Amino acid sequence: MRDRIRIARRAAAVLVALVAAGGATTVPAVAAPAGITRAAAAPAPTGLAYSYDAATERVTVRWDPKDPADTVTTGYREGGCGGPSTADGPCFVRASGPLLDGNSFTFRMAAGRTLYFRVYAENAAHLTTGSVILTVTT
């Protein structure tokens, strides 16, 4: 807790220095206190594919199961994208609700539609790593 307070005080001091300097864009480096390490990123999900059941209008998105050697990934989150690439529109991760703990999720989608998805692996620090964008067409 003390380390967090120190970091907050240093960040406030940097902000005051920037305002005093007329909004200069150079930010002085602030070293992390001893004992704080950067969390390892979870590996991006791979092997994304989907299936569609027209009778029930249900889409199931699947990806490769978590590697047994992966000790970083705590779960997965789905996210929607504005287009087939990030240049066509940003992707948004569903940040609320429980993590997906398997390697699939299902949702309803009417026939004749196209949506774009990413699956995000999340680590214990709640940092996410996104898969490639999957185009789902019904």
C-alpha atoms as a PDB file:
ATOM      1  CA  MET A   1       0.000   0.000   0.000  1.00  0.00           C
ATOM      2  CA  ARG A   2       2.854   2.362   0.812  1.00  0.00           C
ATOM      3  CA  ASP A   3       4.359   1.718  -2.629  1.00  0.00           C
ATOM      4  CA  ARG A   4       1.074   2.714  -4.289  1.00  0.00           C
ATOM      5  CA  ILE A   5       0.942   5.924  -2.264  1.00  0.00           C
ATOM      6  CA  ARG A   6       4.531   6.737  -3.275  1.00  0.00           C
ATOM      7  CA  ILE A   7       3.707   6.134  -6.942  1.00  0.00           C
ATOM      8  CA  ALA A   8       0.611   8.368  -6.695  1.00  0.00           C
ATOM      9  CA  ARG A   9       2.654  11.149  -5.061  1.00  0.00           C
ATOM     10  CA  ARG A  10       5.330  10.906  -7.772  1.00  0.00           C
ATOM     11  CA  ALA A  11       2.676  10.986 -10.501  1.00  0.00           C
ATOM     12  CA  ALA A  12       1.104  14.074  -8.930  1.00  0.00           C
ATOM     13  CA  ALA A  13       4.514  15.757  -8.781  1.00  0.00           C
ATOM     14  CA  VAL A  14       5.069  15.013 -12.469  1.00  0.00           C
ATOM     15  CA  LEU A  15       1.660  16.455 -13.325  1.00  0.00           C
ATOM     16  CA  VAL A  16       2.399  19.663 -11.378  1.00  0.00           C
ATOM     17  CA  ALA A  17       5.778  19.928 -13.145  1.00  0.00           C
ATOM     18  CA  LEU A  18       4.104  19.527 -16.547  1.00  0.00           C
ATOM     19  CA  VAL A  19       1.502  22.194 -15.818  1.00  0.00           C
ATOM     20  CA  ALA A  20       4.216  24.531 -14.534  1.00  0.00           C
ATOM     21  CA  ALA A  21       6.229  23.910 -17.711  1.00  0.00           C
ATOM     22  CA  GLY A  22       3.293  24.946 -19.875  1.00  0.00           C
ATOM     23  CA  GLY A  23       2.218  21.407 -20.809  1.00  0.00           C
ATOM     24  CA  ALA A  24       5.618  20.166 -21.966  1.00  0.00           C
ATOM     25  CA  THR A  25       5.392  16.699 -23.463  1.00  0.00           C
ATOM     26  CA  THR A  26       8.568  15.302 -21.940  1.00  0.00           C
ATOM     27  CA  VAL A  27       7.742  13.264 -18.871  1.00  0.00           C
ATOM     28  CA  PRO A  28      10.568  12.439 -16.467  1.00  0.00           C
ATOM     29  CA  ALA A  29      11.026   8.734 -15.797  1.00  0.00           C
ATOM     30  CA  VAL A  30       9.767   7.481 -12.449  1.00  0.00           C
ATOM     31  CA  ALA A  31      11.221   4.195 -11.291  1.00  0.00           C
ATOM     32  CA  ALA A  32       8.870   1.635  -9.802  1.00  0.00           C
ATOM     33  CA  PRO A  33       9.448   0.995  -6.115  1.00  0.00           C
ATOM     34  CA  ALA A  34      11.407  -2.110  -5.188  1.00  0.00           C
ATOM     35  CA  GLY A  35       9.337  -5.269  -5.114  1.00  0.00           C
ATOM     36  CA  ILE A  36       6.907  -4.225  -7.872  1.00  0.00           C
ATOM     37  CA  THR A  37       7.328  -6.116 -11.103  1.00  0.00           C
ATOM     38  CA  ARG A  38       5.574  -5.920 -14.430  1.00  0.00           C
ATOM     39  CA  ALA A  39       3.020  -8.709 -14.876  1.00  0.00           C
ATOM     40  CA  ALA A  40       3.692 -11.192 -17.662  1.00  0.00           C
ATOM     41  CA  ALA A  41       1.260 -10.934 -20.560  1.00  0.00           C
ATOM     42  CA  ALA A  42      -1.108 -13.812 -21.203  1.00  0.00           C
ATOM     43  CA  PRO A  43      -0.534 -15.462 -24.596  1.00  0.00           C
ATOM     44  CA  ALA A  44      -3.058 -14.443 -27.264  1.00  0.00           C
ATOM     45  CA  PRO A  45      -5.755 -17.024 -28.029  1.00  0.00           C
ATOM     46  CA  THR A  46      -5.210 -18.865 -31.321  1.00  0.00           C
ATOM     47  CA  GLY A  47      -7.204 -21.090 -33.653  1.00  0.00           C
ATOM     48  CA  LEU A  48     -10.413 -19.031 -33.617  1.00  0.00           C
ATOM     49  CA  ALA A  49     -13.331 -20.538 -35.531  1.00  0.00           C
ATOM     50  CA  TYR A  50     -17.115 -20.461 -35.307  1.00  0.00           C
ATOM     51  CA  SER A  51     -20.147 -22.570 -36.089  1.00  0.00           C
ATOM     52  CA  TYR A  52     -23.723 -21.410 -36.714  1.00  0.00           C
ATOM     53  CA  ASP A  53     -26.952 -23.278 -36.024  1.00  0.00           C
ATOM     54  CA  ALA A  54     -29.599 -21.645 -38.256  1.00  0.00           C
ATOM     55  CA  ALA A  55     -32.472 -23.419 -36.493  1.00  0.00           C
ATOM     56  CA  THR A  56     -31.663 -21.826 -33.132  1.00  0.00           C
ATOM     57  CA  GLU A  57     -29.786 -18.771 -34.496  1.00  0.00           C
ATOM     58  CA  ARG A  58     -26.879 -19.601 -32.202  1.00  0.00           C
ATOM     59  CA  VAL A  59     -23.220 -18.906 -32.941  1.00  0.00           C
ATOM     60  CA  THR A  60     -20.493 -20.730 -31.040  1.00  0.00           C
ATOM     61  CA  VAL A  61     -17.023 -19.208 -31.144  1.00  0.00           C
ATOM     62  CA  ARG A  62     -14.150 -21.572 -30.245  1.00  0.00           C
ATOM     63  CA  TRP A  63     -10.396 -21.227 -29.864  1.00  0.00           C
ATOM     64  CA  ASP A  64      -7.513 -23.537 -29.000  1.00  0.00           C
ATOM     65  CA  PRO A  65      -7.565 -24.761 -25.389  1.00  0.00           C
ATOM     66  CA  LYS A  66      -5.178 -23.175 -22.904  1.00  0.00           C
ATOM     67  CA  ASP A  67      -1.723 -24.759 -22.981  1.00  0.00           C
ATOM     68  CA  PRO A  68      -1.157 -26.743 -19.748  1.00  0.00           C
ATOM     69  CA  ALA A  69       2.200 -24.950 -19.376  1.00  0.00           C
ATOM     70  CA  ASP A  70       0.460 -21.532 -19.416  1.00  0.00           C
ATOM     71  CA  THR A  71       0.525 -20.297 -15.810  1.00  0.00           C
ATOM     72  CA  VAL A  72      -0.299 -16.690 -16.728  1.00  0.00           C
ATOM     73  CA  THR A  73      -3.788 -16.845 -18.273  1.00  0.00           C
ATOM     74  CA  THR A  74      -6.569 -16.643 -15.671  1.00  0.00           C
ATOM     75  CA  GLY A  75      -9.433 -16.652 -18.176  1.00  0.00           C
ATOM     76  CA  TYR A  76     -10.832 -15.147 -21.352  1.00  0.00           C
ATOM     77  CA  ARG A  77     -13.105 -12.279 -22.398  1.00  0.00           C
ATOM     78  CA  GLU A  78     -14.882 -11.729 -25.679  1.00  0.00           C
ATOM     79  CA  GLY A  79     -14.819  -8.448 -27.507  1.00  0.00           C
ATOM     80  CA  GLY A  80     -16.555  -6.875 -30.460  1.00  0.00           C
ATOM     81  CA  CYS A  81     -14.790  -5.010 -33.255  1.00  0.00           C
ATOM     82  CA  GLY A  82     -15.949  -2.321 -35.659  1.00  0.00           C
ATOM     83  CA  GLY A  83     -14.559  -4.078 -38.708  1.00  0.00           C
ATOM     84  CA  PRO A  84     -12.429  -6.927 -40.033  1.00  0.00           C
ATOM     85  CA  SER A  85      -9.268  -5.022 -39.059  1.00  0.00           C
ATOM     86  CA  THR A  86      -8.462  -2.448 -36.407  1.00  0.00           C
ATOM     87  CA  ALA A  87      -8.078   0.087 -39.237  1.00  0.00           C
ATOM     88  CA  ASP A  88     -11.813  -0.381 -39.951  1.00  0.00           C
ATOM     89  CA  GLY A  89     -12.819   0.221 -36.360  1.00  0.00           C
ATOM     90  CA  PRO A  90     -11.593  -0.383 -32.830  1.00  0.00           C
ATOM     91  CA  CYS A  91     -12.179  -3.542 -30.834  1.00  0.00           C
ATOM     92  CA  PHE A  92     -13.783  -3.375 -27.396  1.00  0.00           C
ATOM     93  CA  VAL A  93     -13.268  -6.000 -24.724  1.00  0.00           C
ATOM     94  CA  ARG A  94     -16.170  -6.927 -22.441  1.00  0.00           C
ATOM     95  CA  ALA A  95     -14.619  -5.849 -19.169  1.00  0.00           C
ATOM     96  CA  SER A  96     -17.501  -6.639 -16.830  1.00  0.00           C
ATOM     97  CA  GLY A  97     -18.836  -9.969 -15.724  1.00  0.00           C
ATOM     98  CA  PRO A  98     -17.065 -13.225 -15.016  1.00  0.00           C
ATOM     99  CA  LEU A  99     -14.166 -14.514 -17.074  1.00  0.00           C
ATOM    100  CA  LEU A 100     -14.769 -17.289 -19.578  1.00  0.00           C
ATOM    101  CA  ASP A 101     -12.892 -20.296 -18.218  1.00  0.00           C
ATOM    102  CA  GLY A 102     -13.279 -22.654 -21.165  1.00  0.00           C
ATOM    103  CA  ASN A 103     -12.425 -22.196 -24.811  1.00  0.00           C
ATOM    104  CA  SER A 104     -15.783 -21.214 -26.296  1.00  0.00           C
ATOM    105  CA  PHE A 105     -18.825 -18.985 -25.906  1.00  0.00           C
ATOM    106  CA  THR A 106     -22.255 -18.989 -27.543  1.00  0.00           C
ATOM    107  CA  PHE A 107     -24.663 -16.190 -28.419  1.00  0.00           C
ATOM    108  CA  ARG A 108     -27.740 -15.537 -30.578  1.00  0.00           C
ATOM    109  CA  MET A 109     -27.368 -13.900 -33.973  1.00  0.00           C
ATOM    110  CA  ALA A 110     -29.991 -13.515 -36.699  1.00  0.00           C
ATOM    111  CA  ALA A 111     -29.313 -14.869 -40.181  1.00  0.00           C
ATOM    112  CA  GLY A 112     -27.817 -12.535 -42.770  1.00  0.00           C
ATOM    113  CA  ARG A 113     -25.591 -10.566 -40.393  1.00  0.00           C
ATOM    114  CA  THR A 114     -21.834 -10.092 -40.054  1.00  0.00           C
ATOM    115  CA  LEU A 115     -20.041  -9.341 -36.784  1.00  0.00           C
ATOM    116  CA  TYR A 116     -16.359  -9.147 -35.874  1.00  0.00           C
ATOM    117  CA  PHE A 117     -14.905 -10.584 -32.679  1.00  0.00           C
ATOM    118  CA  ARG A 118     -11.682 -10.947 -30.766  1.00  0.00           C
ATOM    119  CA  VAL A 119     -11.041 -13.194 -27.812  1.00  0.00           C
ATOM    120  CA  TYR A 120      -8.822 -11.752 -25.100  1.00  0.00           C
ATOM    121  CA  ALA A 121      -6.683 -13.743 -22.667  1.00  0.00           C
ATOM    122  CA  GLU A 122      -6.480 -12.090 -19.249  1.00  0.00           C
ATOM    123  CA  ASN A 123      -3.770 -12.390 -16.604  1.00  0.00           C
ATOM    124  CA  ALA A 124      -4.015 -11.942 -12.819  1.00  0.00           C
ATOM    125  CA  ALA A 125      -3.335  -8.194 -13.168  1.00  0.00           C
ATOM    126  CA  HIS A 126      -6.376  -7.923 -15.518  1.00  0.00           C
ATOM    127  CA  LEU A 127      -4.186  -7.118 -18.526  1.00  0.00           C
ATOM    128  CA  THR A 128      -5.516  -8.590 -21.769  1.00  0.00           C
ATOM    129  CA  THR A 129      -3.938  -9.865 -24.982  1.00  0.00           C
ATOM    130  CA  GLY A 130      -6.204 -10.069 -28.016  1.00  0.00           C
ATOM    131  CA  SER A 131      -6.464 -12.722 -30.689  1.00  0.00           C
ATOM    132  CA  VAL A 132      -6.740 -12.009 -34.398  1.00  0.00           C
ATOM    133  CA  ILE A 133     -10.151 -10.681 -35.468  1.00  0.00           C
ATOM    134  CA  LEU A 134     -12.691 -13.346 -36.364  1.00  0.00           C
ATOM    135  CA  THR A 135     -15.370 -12.486 -38.943  1.00  0.00           C
ATOM    136  CA  VAL A 136     -18.688 -14.208 -38.142  1.00  0.00           C
ATOM    137  CA  THR A 137     -21.216 -14.270 -41.005  1.00  0.00           C
ATOM    138  CA  THR A 138     -24.609 -15.976 -40.718  1.00  0.00           C
END
